[in-house]
Amino acid sequence: MYKVNIQNSCSCFVKSGFVQSQGFETKEEAQSKAEELISLMSNKFCQRHEFTISERLGDFTIFIKPRR
């Protein structure tokens, strides 16, 4: 099983109703979902944060950090 996890969730993420962690059968599904979430958050959230993806052993972590 491959996972997509969210780290350092912001108030926009909490209000969105997205889940903190999701499991997928394939690495490709997990990567696709992580990329989809990044796109949605970048376009719909308050623009005070930036989002990056890190992949480790097939699991994807999305980090939310303040814009500089």
Protein backbone atom coordinates (compact mmCIF):
# COMPACT_ATOMS: atom_id res chain seq x y z
CA MET A 1 0.00 0.00 0.00
CA TYR A 2 1.20 3.50 -0.89
CA LYS A 3 0.22 6.61 1.03
CA VAL A 4 -0.29 10.33 0.55
CA ASN A 5 0.23 12.28 3.79
CA ILE A 6 -0.15 15.95 4.59
CA GLN A 7 2.33 17.61 6.97
CA ASN A 8 1.89 20.96 8.75
CA SER A 9 -1.75 21.41 7.75
CA CYS A 10 -2.92 25.02 7.62
CA SER A 11 -6.39 26.38 8.44
CA CYS A 12 -7.37 26.29 4.74
CA PHE A 13 -6.56 22.58 4.66
CA VAL A 14 -8.56 21.92 7.82
CA LYS A 15 -11.57 23.83 6.42
CA SER A 16 -11.33 22.05 3.04
CA GLY A 17 -12.45 18.69 4.39
CA PHE A 18 -9.49 16.88 2.77
CA VAL A 19 -8.11 13.97 4.76
CA GLN A 20 -4.66 13.99 6.39
CA SER A 21 -3.66 10.58 5.01
CA GLN A 22 -4.92 8.34 2.19
CA GLY A 23 -3.88 4.87 1.02
CA PHE A 24 -3.63 3.63 -2.58
CA GLU A 25 -2.97 0.27 -4.24
CA THR A 26 -0.31 1.56 -6.66
CA LYS A 27 2.49 4.10 -6.52
CA GLU A 28 1.09 5.76 -9.65
CA GLU A 29 -2.31 6.30 -8.02
CA ALA A 30 -0.65 7.82 -4.95
CA GLN A 31 1.52 10.11 -7.06
CA SER A 32 -1.44 11.20 -9.17
CA LYS A 33 -3.49 12.03 -6.06
CA ALA A 34 -0.59 13.97 -4.49
CA GLU A 35 -0.19 16.03 -7.67
CA GLU A 36 -3.95 16.61 -7.84
CA LEU A 37 -4.02 17.82 -4.21
CA ILE A 38 -1.08 20.19 -4.82
CA SER A 39 -2.88 21.68 -7.81
CA LEU A 40 -6.17 22.09 -5.92
CA MET A 41 -4.50 23.62 -2.86
CA SER A 42 -2.38 25.98 -4.97
CA ASN A 43 -5.45 27.26 -6.83
CA LYS A 44 -8.13 27.25 -4.11
CA PHE A 45 -6.38 28.05 -0.84
CA CYS A 46 -5.55 31.51 0.56
CA GLN A 47 -2.17 31.86 -1.20
CA ARG A 48 -0.32 32.34 2.10
CA HIS A 49 1.35 28.95 1.83
CA GLU A 50 3.37 26.96 -0.66
CA PHE A 51 3.14 23.23 -1.20
CA THR A 52 5.85 20.71 -2.00
CA ILE A 53 5.85 16.94 -2.53
CA SER A 54 8.45 14.55 -1.20
CA GLU A 55 8.52 10.89 -2.20
CA ARG A 56 10.08 8.19 -0.04
CA LEU A 57 9.72 4.47 -0.71
CA GLY A 58 6.57 5.06 -2.74
CA ASP A 59 4.85 7.19 -0.11
CA PHE A 60 4.21 10.84 -0.92
CA THR A 61 4.23 13.61 1.67
CA ILE A 62 2.86 17.06 0.92
CA PHE A 63 4.46 19.76 3.03
CA ILE A 64 2.60 23.00 3.69
CA LYS A 65 4.86 25.92 4.58
CA PRO A 66 4.43 29.70 4.72
CA ARG A 67 5.35 31.69 1.61
CA ARG A 68 8.45 33.78 1.92
